[in-house]
Amino acid sequence: MIIQKELQLPSFSRGYHLITRQVVNALPDLPEKGLLNVFIHHTSAGLMINENADPTVRVDMESIFNHLVPENLPFLEHTMEGPDDMPSHIKSALTGVSLTIPISNNRLKLGTWQGIYLCEFRNHGGGRRLTLTVYS
C-alpha cells in the first residue's frame, strides 16, 4: 500500500530547521514496517538527517556550508535572483532533495539523536512544499 500526503511548511529564516514533528504530525498512522520518503519541491532548499539535540550543530552546519559555497563568487553566471540564489542551488545539490527513512513498530526508525532537517539556503525562501510517501 502507498499513502501520499503533501505538507506545506511555513517560511523559515535561512538556516537549518528541525521539522521532524511537522512531518510526523502530517502522517496517518504508520504501518508496522515500511519506508517513508520525504521529497522537497524546491531547488534552493534541501533535506538532511542529523543531530537533533545540540542546537550548535545547526550553527556549525550553516558556517561550514557558507565556507564551502560562499556568496558572490566572481565566476557564477546565474545571479539574477540575488547573491544567495546560485549558492542555494549548489547547497541543495550537496544535501539532496529527498530522504528515505525506515518504519518499524509503527514509528520512524530514526536514531536517538537524529532529526529531519529543512535546510533553508535562501535569505527569503518562502514557504516550502514537501511530499511525504509511505510505502508498506
Protein backbone atom coordinates (compact mmCIF):
# COMPACT_ATOMS: atom_id res chain seq x y z
CA MET A 1 0.00 0.00 0.00
CA ILE A 2 1.16 3.55 -0.76
CA ILE A 3 -0.09 6.63 1.08
CA GLN A 4 0.91 10.10 -0.03
CA LYS A 5 0.45 13.45 1.71
CA GLU A 6 1.59 16.98 0.98
CA LEU A 7 2.98 19.15 3.73
CA GLN A 8 3.22 22.92 3.31
CA LEU A 9 5.86 24.32 5.63
CA PRO A 10 5.80 27.96 6.67
CA SER A 11 8.54 30.35 5.69
CA PHE A 12 11.71 29.76 7.70
CA SER A 13 14.73 32.01 8.06
CA ARG A 14 17.95 30.96 6.40
CA GLY A 15 19.46 28.04 8.31
CA TYR A 16 18.80 24.50 9.46
CA HIS A 17 15.40 23.78 11.00
CA LEU A 18 14.18 20.62 12.70
CA ILE A 19 10.93 19.55 11.05
CA THR A 20 10.60 16.01 12.42
CA ARG A 21 7.49 16.88 14.43
CA GLN A 22 5.76 18.57 11.48
CA VAL A 23 6.48 15.55 9.27
CA VAL A 24 5.24 13.02 11.84
CA ASN A 25 2.12 15.08 12.58
CA ALA A 26 1.24 15.22 8.87
CA LEU A 27 1.33 11.43 8.51
CA PRO A 28 -1.52 8.99 9.14
CA ASP A 29 -0.97 6.01 11.43
CA LEU A 30 2.19 4.34 10.20
CA PRO A 31 2.36 0.66 9.22
CA GLU A 32 4.20 -1.97 11.27
CA LYS A 33 7.00 -1.96 8.68
CA GLY A 34 7.71 0.20 5.67
CA LEU A 35 9.50 3.22 4.33
CA LEU A 36 8.86 6.95 4.36
CA ASN A 37 10.15 9.06 1.51
CA VAL A 38 10.29 12.82 2.14
CA PHE A 39 10.73 14.94 -1.01
CA ILE A 40 11.10 18.73 -1.18
CA HIS A 41 9.78 20.50 -4.29
CA HIS A 42 12.44 23.21 -4.41
CA THR A 43 15.92 23.70 -5.84
CA SER A 44 17.21 26.22 -3.29
CA ALA A 45 16.49 24.23 -0.13
CA GLY A 46 17.37 20.72 0.95
CA LEU A 47 16.73 17.96 3.45
CA MET A 48 19.05 16.09 5.79
CA ILE A 49 19.05 13.87 8.83
CA ASN A 50 21.39 14.99 11.55
CA GLU A 51 21.77 15.51 15.30
CA ASN A 52 18.67 16.94 16.95
CA ALA A 53 19.91 17.52 20.49
CA ASP A 54 22.53 20.27 20.41
CA PRO A 55 21.46 23.47 18.60
CA THR A 56 25.08 24.41 17.92
CA VAL A 57 25.06 21.68 15.24
CA ARG A 58 22.73 23.93 13.22
CA VAL A 59 25.04 26.91 13.65
CA ASP A 60 28.05 24.86 12.57
CA MET A 61 26.19 23.47 9.55
CA GLU A 62 25.39 27.00 8.39
CA SER A 63 29.01 28.06 8.92
CA ILE A 64 30.57 25.14 7.06
CA PHE A 65 28.17 25.28 4.10
CA ASN A 66 28.77 29.03 3.77
CA HIS A 67 32.50 28.36 3.86
CA LEU A 68 32.22 25.65 1.19
CA VAL A 69 29.87 27.64 -1.07
CA PRO A 70 30.19 31.37 -0.35
CA GLU A 71 28.08 34.07 -1.97
CA ASN A 72 29.43 36.49 -4.59
CA LEU A 73 31.82 34.08 -6.29
CA PRO A 74 33.05 36.05 -9.33
CA PHE A 75 32.67 33.17 -11.81
CA LEU A 76 28.98 32.43 -11.13
CA GLU A 77 26.69 33.42 -14.00
CA HIS A 78 23.25 32.64 -12.53
CA THR A 79 22.98 35.81 -10.43
CA MET A 80 19.67 37.48 -11.47
CA GLU A 81 17.85 36.34 -8.31
CA GLY A 82 20.49 37.62 -5.90
CA PRO A 83 23.82 36.56 -4.47
CA ASP A 84 22.27 33.80 -2.33
CA ASP A 85 20.46 32.06 -5.20
CA MET A 86 23.14 30.09 -7.07
CA PRO A 87 24.92 29.10 -3.85
CA SER A 88 21.50 27.83 -2.67
CA HIS A 89 21.19 25.59 -5.72
CA ILE A 90 24.68 24.19 -5.12
CA LYS A 91 23.97 23.57 -1.42
CA SER A 92 20.70 21.84 -2.35
CA ALA A 93 22.62 19.57 -4.71
CA LEU A 94 25.02 18.72 -1.85
CA THR A 95 22.33 17.93 0.74
CA GLY A 96 19.79 16.40 -1.61
CA VAL A 97 16.06 16.85 -2.02
CA SER A 98 14.78 13.57 -0.61
CA LEU A 99 15.20 11.25 2.35
CA THR A 100 14.16 7.64 2.88
CA ILE A 101 13.53 6.61 6.47
CA PRO A 102 12.65 3.08 7.62
CA ILE A 103 9.45 2.47 9.56
CA SER A 104 9.45 -0.18 12.31
CA ASN A 105 6.86 -0.84 15.02
CA ASN A 106 4.62 1.88 13.55
CA ARG A 107 7.28 4.58 14.07
CA LEU A 108 10.03 6.26 12.10
CA LYS A 109 13.21 4.36 12.87
CA LEU A 110 15.42 7.37 13.49
CA GLY A 111 18.39 7.10 15.80
CA THR A 112 18.20 8.53 19.31
CA TRP A 113 19.83 11.82 18.29
CA GLN A 114 18.55 12.03 14.70
CA GLY A 115 16.06 14.53 13.39
CA ILE A 116 14.77 15.60 9.98
CA TYR A 117 16.03 19.00 8.91
CA LEU A 118 14.81 21.53 6.39
CA CYS A 119 17.92 23.23 5.09
CA GLU A 120 16.84 26.73 4.04
CA PHE A 121 19.58 28.20 1.90
CA ARG A 122 17.83 31.39 0.75
CA ASN A 123 17.69 34.61 2.74
CA HIS A 124 13.97 34.84 1.94
CA GLY A 125 12.95 31.41 0.68
CA GLY A 126 9.24 31.50 1.45
CA GLY A 127 7.08 28.50 2.30
CA ARG A 128 8.35 25.09 1.26
CA ARG A 129 6.31 22.13 -0.01
CA LEU A 130 7.07 18.51 0.83
CA THR A 131 5.58 15.27 -0.47
CA LEU A 132 5.51 12.50 2.12
CA THR A 133 5.12 8.98 0.71
CA VAL A 134 4.63 5.94 2.97
CA TYR A 135 5.31 2.52 1.45
CA SER A 136 4.15 -0.54 3.36
